[in-house]
Amino acid sequence: MPSATASQTLTWRGVPRPVRVLVLARTVNRLGAFSMAFLGLLLTRHLGASLTTAGVVLAAFGLATVPSRLAGGRLADRIGRRRTIVLGLVGCAVSQLWIAASPTVASAAVAAVAFGLAYEIYEPASQAIIADVSAPEDRPAAYALLQASMAVAGVLAGGIAAAVSSLDLRLLFVIDAASCLACAAIVRAYLPAGEVTAPAYDAVPVRPWRDTRLLLLLGVGSVLATIYMLLVMALPLTLDARGLPSWHLGVLLAASAVTGVAVTPFVPVLTAGRDSFATMRAAYVVLAVGLVAYAYADRLSLFLVGTVVCGAAEVLLLGHGMALAAGLAPEHGRAAYLAVFGLSWGVATTLAPLLGTQLLDRGGPVAAWLLPAAAALACAWAQPALRRRLTPSHDACEG
């Protein structure tokens, strides 16, 4: 099969309408997606839970997201993309209102598990829509567009959370529930049902767990996801260890979002003439450079350099990773494949807090960032082997 490279003509107007609707809806949803960061505080401050109990509840939420994503993949391929997205968002809204209204720790704990079970249902369907309506060579740029828009909304969400959290933590969950319902309404009203419903279900069963190519991609994706979860978890602690004020974190988050927006339009140009594996190899090297900058940064300007470099690499890596997973799947099993691939973030959410705190405690910021930098270089080194394993039956990105 001839090599496919990224489109050089994909623009916002050229993006298929379902993708534009999805980007708008998910951006609205992301504006309110800040409540989980405050669940621990709600449990301890308002409901009197101990730190240990709060930690168990948060862990239970995280564990519940694993079957949530798998169920979302199956539902999206069986009942349709739009129905699955609406179902997941409504489930999130109901469970968050339940958390806000909970009078006891036990009630909030059950509601948190219910939230986890609904939390990832819409994600595989959202990713599958992009694969359904985008040409294979355009998928990386389309996925990058979704990530960039959500990054910008995430910065605005932080400002909303900062303003509202001083009033009542329960109000955060109410606002998040409202954003879920608003997103569901946009999807229900404007996402064409016939155009992006699930393909006709094939008699041949979809077994993503038996596809060794997908499992290999999941392994490498888990390394990348863990690196980025370390960015989320270890960066605030690194700033503190270097004696820098906490407001620097807000500046870095904003810089990361701006980088995503600035780089996304250039993804087709940056990747022109290269397959996904060559692009990802280069992006992993760029990511390693940014992580090394974090290891030795001692002032805001140097942290900004690391943030911009890592942000640029993220745009390329996340989009191409999802495009590769979608390309491995049969047409009637894309959401199931993307659900399995997305479990890399569940792995990362479990490993990163343990790994990051241990590295910072034992080796300080230098060790905490040089180890993931080495892991990024290892992923870059592995790309030619991935090409050999995935290319023969891969429909999107070959070399």
Protein backbone atom coordinates (compact mmCIF):
# COMPACT_ATOMS: atom_id res chain seq x y z
CA MET A 1 0.00 0.00 0.00
CA PRO A 2 1.42 3.44 -0.82
CA SER A 3 2.66 5.67 1.90
CA ALA A 4 0.14 8.11 3.32
CA THR A 5 1.26 11.41 4.69
CA ALA A 6 -0.58 14.17 6.51
CA SER A 7 -2.77 16.41 4.43
CA GLN A 8 -1.36 19.80 3.62
CA THR A 9 -4.77 21.37 3.05
CA LEU A 10 -6.73 20.60 6.23
CA THR A 11 -8.18 23.85 7.63
CA TRP A 12 -11.00 24.65 10.03
CA ARG A 13 -13.38 25.12 7.11
CA GLY A 14 -12.10 21.91 5.59
CA VAL A 15 -12.73 19.89 8.74
CA PRO A 16 -15.89 17.74 8.39
CA ARG A 17 -18.96 19.26 10.07
CA PRO A 18 -19.32 16.46 12.66
CA VAL A 19 -15.77 17.16 13.86
CA ARG A 20 -16.51 20.88 14.19
CA VAL A 21 -19.66 20.14 16.18
CA LEU A 22 -17.72 17.72 18.37
CA VAL A 23 -14.94 20.25 19.01
CA LEU A 24 -17.52 22.90 20.00
CA ALA A 25 -19.41 20.52 22.28
CA ARG A 26 -16.32 19.16 24.01
CA THR A 27 -14.96 22.67 24.49
CA VAL A 28 -18.18 23.69 26.26
CA ASN A 29 -17.92 20.56 28.40
CA ARG A 30 -14.26 21.27 29.22
CA LEU A 31 -15.13 24.74 30.53
CA GLY A 32 -16.80 23.07 33.50
CA ALA A 33 -14.56 20.04 33.83
CA PHE A 34 -12.76 20.97 37.04
CA SER A 35 -14.82 19.32 39.76
CA MET A 36 -12.76 16.14 40.24
CA ALA A 37 -9.76 18.16 41.35
CA PHE A 38 -11.86 19.34 44.31
CA LEU A 39 -13.50 16.05 45.29
CA GLY A 40 -10.88 15.36 47.94
CA LEU A 41 -11.42 18.79 49.49
CA LEU A 42 -15.19 18.31 49.45
CA LEU A 43 -14.83 14.99 51.27
CA THR A 44 -12.44 16.30 53.93
CA ARG A 45 -13.60 19.86 54.49
CA HIS A 46 -17.38 19.53 54.11
CA LEU A 47 -18.08 15.90 54.96
CA GLY A 48 -15.36 15.28 57.56
CA ALA A 49 -13.60 12.38 55.83
CA SER A 50 -10.02 11.53 56.76
CA LEU A 51 -7.25 11.88 54.20
CA THR A 52 -7.01 8.10 53.97
CA THR A 53 -10.72 7.80 53.24
CA ALA A 54 -10.57 10.56 50.66
CA GLY A 55 -7.67 8.77 48.97
CA VAL A 56 -9.63 5.52 48.81
CA VAL A 57 -12.64 7.28 47.28
CA LEU A 58 -10.46 8.96 44.65
CA ALA A 59 -8.79 5.65 43.84
CA ALA A 60 -12.21 4.01 43.50
CA PHE A 61 -13.22 6.72 41.05
CA GLY A 62 -10.08 6.14 38.99
CA LEU A 63 -10.60 2.38 38.95
CA ALA A 64 -14.21 2.81 37.81
CA THR A 65 -13.08 4.73 34.73
CA VAL A 66 -11.47 1.57 33.29
CA PRO A 67 -14.71 -0.38 32.66
CA SER A 68 -16.33 2.94 31.73
CA ARG A 69 -14.02 3.37 28.75
CA LEU A 70 -14.39 -0.24 27.65
CA ALA A 71 -18.19 -0.03 27.86
CA GLY A 72 -18.12 3.23 25.93
CA GLY A 73 -16.23 1.57 23.10
CA ARG A 74 -18.69 -1.29 22.87
CA LEU A 75 -21.74 0.98 23.04
CA ALA A 76 -20.40 3.33 20.37
CA ASP A 77 -19.97 0.47 17.92
CA ARG A 78 -23.37 -1.05 18.74
CA ILE A 79 -25.88 1.72 19.39
CA GLY A 80 -24.15 4.61 17.62
CA ARG A 81 -21.74 7.42 18.37
CA ARG A 82 -24.25 10.16 19.14
CA ARG A 83 -26.39 8.09 21.50
CA THR A 84 -23.33 6.91 23.40
CA ILE A 85 -21.95 10.43 23.85
CA VAL A 86 -25.30 11.74 25.13
CA LEU A 87 -25.70 8.74 27.46
CA GLY A 88 -22.25 9.24 28.97
CA LEU A 89 -22.67 12.98 29.45
CA VAL A 90 -26.07 12.65 31.10
CA GLY A 91 -24.63 9.97 33.39
CA CYS A 92 -21.81 12.34 34.37
CA ALA A 93 -24.26 15.14 35.08
CA VAL A 94 -26.54 13.01 37.25
CA SER A 95 -23.68 11.56 39.29
CA GLN A 96 -22.13 14.99 39.89
CA LEU A 97 -25.42 16.42 41.09
CA TRP A 98 -25.58 13.39 43.39
CA ILE A 99 -22.11 14.25 44.75
CA ALA A 100 -23.15 17.86 45.31
CA ALA A 101 -26.27 16.78 47.21
CA SER A 102 -24.59 14.03 49.28
CA PRO A 103 -25.00 14.54 53.02
CA THR A 104 -22.53 11.84 54.05
CA VAL A 105 -19.16 10.43 53.03
CA ALA A 106 -20.78 7.10 52.13
CA SER A 107 -23.23 8.74 49.75
CA ALA A 108 -20.51 10.82 48.12
CA ALA A 109 -18.32 7.73 47.74
CA VAL A 110 -21.04 5.79 45.91
CA ALA A 111 -21.74 8.84 43.75
CA ALA A 112 -18.02 9.14 42.94
CA VAL A 113 -17.93 5.52 41.75
CA ALA A 114 -21.03 6.17 39.64
CA PHE A 115 -19.27 9.23 38.22
CA GLY A 116 -16.26 7.09 37.34
CA LEU A 117 -18.46 4.53 35.59
CA ALA A 118 -19.92 7.28 33.39
CA TYR A 119 -16.76 9.38 33.07
CA GLU A 120 -15.16 7.72 30.03
CA ILE A 121 -18.23 6.45 28.17
CA TYR A 122 -18.24 9.29 25.64
CA GLU A 123 -14.50 9.34 24.95
CA PRO A 124 -14.18 6.36 22.53
CA ALA A 125 -17.27 7.53 20.63
CA SER A 126 -15.80 11.03 20.26
CA GLN A 127 -12.51 9.67 18.97
CA ALA A 128 -14.28 7.23 16.64
CA ILE A 129 -16.33 10.03 15.04
CA ILE A 130 -13.11 11.72 13.93
CA ALA A 131 -11.89 8.45 12.41
CA ASP A 132 -15.28 7.86 10.76
CA VAL A 133 -15.53 11.17 8.90
CA SER A 134 -11.88 12.16 8.34
CA ALA A 135 -9.58 10.87 5.65
CA PRO A 136 -6.80 8.71 7.14
CA GLU A 137 -4.13 11.28 6.28
CA ASP A 138 -6.16 14.04 8.01
CA ARG A 139 -6.83 12.21 11.28
CA PRO A 140 -3.70 13.37 13.18
CA ALA A 141 -4.51 17.03 12.50
CA ALA A 142 -8.18 16.54 13.41
CA TYR A 143 -7.28 14.87 16.71
CA ALA A 144 -4.77 17.63 17.42
CA LEU A 145 -7.49 20.24 16.81
CA LEU A 146 -9.71 18.58 19.41
CA GLN A 147 -6.88 18.44 21.95
CA ALA A 148 -5.89 22.07 21.39
CA SER A 149 -9.44 23.39 21.79
CA MET A 150 -9.86 21.46 25.02
CA ALA A 151 -6.52 22.75 26.31
CA VAL A 152 -7.63 26.35 25.84
CA ALA A 153 -10.95 25.64 27.52
CA GLY A 154 -9.03 23.99 30.36
CA VAL A 155 -7.21 27.23 31.14
CA LEU A 156 -10.51 29.14 31.21
CA ALA A 157 -11.94 26.40 33.41
CA GLY A 158 -9.15 26.99 35.91
CA GLY A 159 -10.17 30.63 36.20
CA ILE A 160 -13.80 29.69 36.74
CA ALA A 161 -12.81 27.15 39.37
CA ALA A 162 -10.62 29.68 41.19
CA ALA A 163 -13.50 32.15 41.35
CA VAL A 164 -16.20 29.69 42.38
CA SER A 165 -14.27 27.48 44.80
CA SER A 166 -14.06 30.28 47.35
CA LEU A 167 -17.87 30.35 47.50
CA ASP A 168 -18.93 26.71 47.82
CA LEU A 169 -17.17 23.57 46.60
CA ARG A 170 -20.50 21.91 45.90
CA LEU A 171 -21.25 24.60 43.34
CA LEU A 172 -18.30 23.35 41.27
CA PHE A 173 -20.03 20.00 40.76
CA VAL A 174 -23.27 21.73 39.82
CA ILE A 175 -21.47 23.84 37.19
CA ASP A 176 -19.68 20.77 35.82
CA ALA A 177 -23.00 18.92 35.59
CA ALA A 178 -24.49 21.88 33.70
CA SER A 179 -21.58 21.86 31.23
CA CYS A 180 -22.14 18.12 30.63
CA LEU A 181 -25.81 18.71 29.88
CA ALA A 182 -24.97 21.64 27.58
CA CYS A 183 -22.49 19.45 25.70
CA ALA A 184 -25.09 16.68 25.41
CA ALA A 185 -27.63 19.18 24.05
CA ILE A 186 -25.21 20.42 21.37
CA VAL A 187 -24.38 16.86 20.33
CA ARG A 188 -28.04 15.84 20.27
CA ALA A 189 -29.11 18.88 18.27
CA TYR A 190 -26.29 19.34 15.78
CA LEU A 191 -24.37 16.10 15.36
CA PRO A 192 -25.86 14.33 12.34
CA ALA A 193 -27.17 10.99 13.56
CA GLY A 194 -27.17 9.24 10.21
CA GLU A 195 -23.74 10.49 9.21
CA VAL A 196 -21.85 9.35 12.28
CA THR A 197 -23.85 6.46 13.68
CA ALA A 198 -22.06 3.18 14.16
CA PRO A 199 -21.30 1.23 10.98
CA ALA A 200 -23.52 -1.77 10.40
CA TYR A 201 -22.52 -4.36 12.96
CA ASP A 202 -20.53 -7.12 11.30
CA ALA A 203 -21.07 -10.79 12.08
CA VAL A 204 -17.32 -11.09 12.67
CA PRO A 205 -16.74 -10.25 16.36
CA VAL A 206 -14.30 -7.51 17.30
CA ARG A 207 -11.58 -8.75 19.65
CA PRO A 208 -9.14 -5.88 20.25
CA TRP A 209 -7.45 -7.71 23.13
CA ARG A 210 -6.30 -10.40 20.69
CA ASP A 211 -4.70 -7.90 18.33
CA THR A 212 -1.01 -7.91 19.29
CA ARG A 213 -0.43 -4.80 17.20
CA LEU A 214 -2.91 -2.84 19.32
CA LEU A 215 -1.41 -4.17 22.54
CA LEU A 216 2.04 -3.08 21.38
CA LEU A 217 0.68 0.38 20.65
CA LEU A 218 -1.03 0.39 24.05
CA GLY A 219 2.30 -0.34 25.75
CA VAL A 220 4.10 2.54 24.07
CA GLY A 221 1.07 4.78 24.58
CA SER A 222 1.12 4.00 28.30
CA VAL A 223 4.69 5.28 28.53
CA LEU A 224 3.68 8.53 26.82
CA ALA A 225 0.57 8.92 28.98
CA THR A 226 2.63 8.36 32.14
CA ILE A 227 5.07 11.06 31.06
CA TYR A 228 2.24 13.53 30.61
CA MET A 229 0.60 12.58 33.89
CA LEU A 230 3.97 13.27 35.50
CA LEU A 231 3.82 16.71 33.92
CA VAL A 232 0.45 17.29 35.56
CA MET A 233 1.44 15.91 38.96
CA ALA A 234 5.17 16.66 39.34
CA LEU A 235 5.38 20.14 37.82
CA PRO A 236 3.65 21.91 40.74
CA LEU A 237 5.88 20.03 43.19
CA THR A 238 8.97 20.90 41.15
CA LEU A 239 8.09 24.60 41.22
CA ASP A 240 7.70 24.36 44.98
CA ALA A 241 11.01 22.53 45.36
CA ARG A 242 12.74 25.29 43.40
CA GLY A 243 11.19 27.94 45.65
CA LEU A 244 8.99 29.50 42.98
CA PRO A 245 5.53 30.96 43.72
CA SER A 246 2.42 28.92 42.93
CA TRP A 247 1.08 31.49 40.43
CA HIS A 248 3.85 30.41 38.07
CA LEU A 249 1.89 27.22 37.48
CA GLY A 250 -1.02 29.22 36.05
CA VAL A 251 1.37 30.97 33.66
CA LEU A 252 2.77 27.62 32.53
CA LEU A 253 -0.70 26.15 31.99
CA ALA A 254 -1.65 29.14 29.88
CA ALA A 255 1.59 28.87 27.90
CA SER A 256 0.91 25.20 27.23
CA ALA A 257 -2.57 25.98 25.91
CA VAL A 258 -1.32 28.81 23.70
CA THR A 259 1.37 26.52 22.32
CA GLY A 260 -1.23 23.90 21.43
CA VAL A 261 -3.36 26.45 19.60
CA ALA A 262 -0.36 27.96 17.80
CA VAL A 263 1.13 24.65 16.68
CA THR A 264 -2.07 22.83 15.63
CA PRO A 265 -2.62 24.72 12.32
CA PHE A 266 0.91 23.80 11.28
CA VAL A 267 0.59 20.07 11.94
CA PRO A 268 -0.05 19.24 8.25
CA VAL A 269 2.98 21.30 7.18
CA LEU A 270 5.24 19.90 9.91
CA THR A 271 4.33 16.33 9.00
CA ALA A 272 4.25 16.68 5.21
CA GLY A 273 6.35 13.99 3.53
CA ARG A 274 6.67 11.94 6.73
CA ASP A 275 4.66 8.98 7.95
CA SER A 276 3.31 8.87 11.51
CA PHE A 277 6.28 6.90 12.82
CA ALA A 278 8.85 9.38 11.54
CA THR A 279 6.78 12.25 12.95
CA MET A 280 6.45 10.59 16.33
CA ARG A 281 10.15 9.73 16.46
CA ALA A 282 11.02 13.40 16.01
CA ALA A 283 8.31 14.50 18.47
CA TYR A 284 9.60 12.14 21.17
CA VAL A 285 13.06 13.67 20.81
CA VAL A 286 11.55 17.15 21.12
CA LEU A 287 9.64 16.00 24.21
CA ALA A 288 12.86 14.72 25.78
CA VAL A 289 14.48 18.13 25.24
CA GLY A 290 11.60 19.84 27.06
CA LEU A 291 11.81 17.40 29.96
CA VAL A 292 15.56 18.00 30.32
CA ALA A 293 14.82 21.72 30.46
CA TYR A 294 12.46 21.06 33.38
CA ALA A 295 15.15 19.06 35.16
CA TYR A 296 17.51 22.03 35.37
CA ALA A 297 15.09 24.99 35.28
CA ASP A 298 15.35 27.33 38.26
CA ARG A 299 13.39 30.36 37.00
CA LEU A 300 10.11 31.01 35.23
CA SER A 301 11.71 31.73 31.86
CA LEU A 302 13.40 28.33 31.75
CA PHE A 303 10.22 26.56 32.82
CA LEU A 304 8.43 28.39 30.00
CA VAL A 305 10.97 27.01 27.52
CA GLY A 306 10.30 23.48 28.74
CA THR A 307 6.54 24.04 28.64
CA VAL A 308 6.52 25.35 25.07
CA VAL A 309 8.74 22.52 23.83
CA CYS A 310 6.68 19.83 25.60
CA GLY A 311 3.44 21.42 24.40
CA ALA A 312 4.56 21.33 20.78
CA ALA A 313 5.52 17.67 21.09
CA GLU A 314 2.18 16.83 22.71
CA VAL A 315 0.19 18.15 19.75
CA LEU A 316 2.03 15.78 17.40
CA LEU A 317 2.18 12.75 19.66
CA LEU A 318 -1.40 12.56 20.89
CA GLY A 319 -2.96 13.09 17.46
CA HIS A 320 -0.81 10.53 15.71
CA GLY A 321 -1.22 7.95 18.46
CA MET A 322 -5.00 7.96 18.18
CA ALA A 323 -4.80 7.94 14.37
CA LEU A 324 -2.62 4.83 14.48
CA ALA A 325 -5.04 3.03 16.82
CA ALA A 326 -8.01 3.96 14.63
CA GLY A 327 -6.16 2.73 11.55
CA LEU A 328 -5.62 -0.71 13.08
CA ALA A 329 -9.32 -1.28 13.71
CA PRO A 330 -11.91 -2.85 11.41
CA GLU A 331 -14.55 -0.32 10.37
CA HIS A 332 -17.18 -1.75 12.70
CA GLY A 333 -14.79 -1.88 15.66
CA ARG A 334 -13.06 1.50 15.75
CA ALA A 335 -14.56 2.64 19.05
CA ALA A 336 -13.68 -0.67 20.75
CA TYR A 337 -10.07 -0.36 19.56
CA LEU A 338 -9.85 3.27 20.67
CA ALA A 339 -11.30 2.31 24.04
CA VAL A 340 -8.54 -0.24 24.62
CA PHE A 341 -5.87 2.19 23.42
CA GLY A 342 -7.27 4.85 25.77
CA LEU A 343 -6.64 2.59 28.77
CA SER A 344 -3.08 3.91 28.61
CA TRP A 345 -4.35 6.91 30.56
CA GLY A 346 -5.78 4.65 33.26
CA VAL A 347 -2.37 3.02 33.59
CA ALA A 348 -0.72 6.44 33.71
CA THR A 349 -3.12 7.79 36.31
CA THR A 350 -2.19 4.88 38.57
CA LEU A 351 1.58 4.93 38.02
CA ALA A 352 2.42 8.63 37.73
CA PRO A 353 1.54 9.74 41.29
CA LEU A 354 3.56 6.88 42.81
CA LEU A 355 6.50 7.28 40.43
CA GLY A 356 6.61 11.07 40.56
CA THR A 357 6.54 11.39 44.34
CA GLN A 358 9.21 8.71 44.76
CA LEU A 359 11.51 10.30 42.19
CA LEU A 360 11.12 13.75 43.73
CA ASP A 361 11.64 12.40 47.22
CA ARG A 362 14.71 10.32 46.42
CA GLY A 363 16.41 12.21 43.60
CA GLY A 364 14.84 15.65 43.50
CA PRO A 365 13.64 17.46 40.36
CA VAL A 366 16.65 16.41 38.28
CA ALA A 367 15.88 12.69 38.64
CA ALA A 368 12.15 13.30 38.38
CA TRP A 369 12.54 14.74 34.86
CA LEU A 370 15.61 12.98 33.47
CA LEU A 371 14.02 9.54 33.85
CA PRO A 372 10.93 10.43 31.76
CA ALA A 373 13.26 12.16 29.28
CA ALA A 374 15.13 8.87 28.89
CA ALA A 375 11.80 7.07 28.46
CA ALA A 376 10.84 9.52 25.70
CA LEU A 377 14.12 8.80 23.90
CA ALA A 378 13.46 5.08 24.24
CA CYS A 379 10.07 5.57 22.58
CA ALA A 380 11.76 7.49 19.77
CA TRP A 381 14.23 4.64 19.31
CA ALA A 382 11.34 2.14 19.15
CA GLN A 383 9.46 3.83 16.29
CA PRO A 384 11.19 1.94 13.41
CA ALA A 385 10.29 -1.35 15.10
CA LEU A 386 6.70 -0.15 15.52
CA ARG A 387 6.57 0.72 11.83
CA ARG A 388 7.66 -2.81 10.91
CA ARG A 389 5.03 -4.36 13.18
CA LEU A 390 2.09 -2.09 12.37
CA THR A 391 2.52 -1.08 8.75
CA PRO A 392 1.58 -4.30 6.89
CA SER A 393 -2.14 -4.02 7.70
CA HIS A 394 -2.30 -0.38 8.70
CA ASP A 395 -4.57 1.80 6.60
CA ALA A 396 -3.65 5.25 7.75
CA CYS A 397 0.01 5.87 8.25
CA GLU A 398 2.54 3.78 6.45
CA GLY A 399 6.13 4.19 5.53
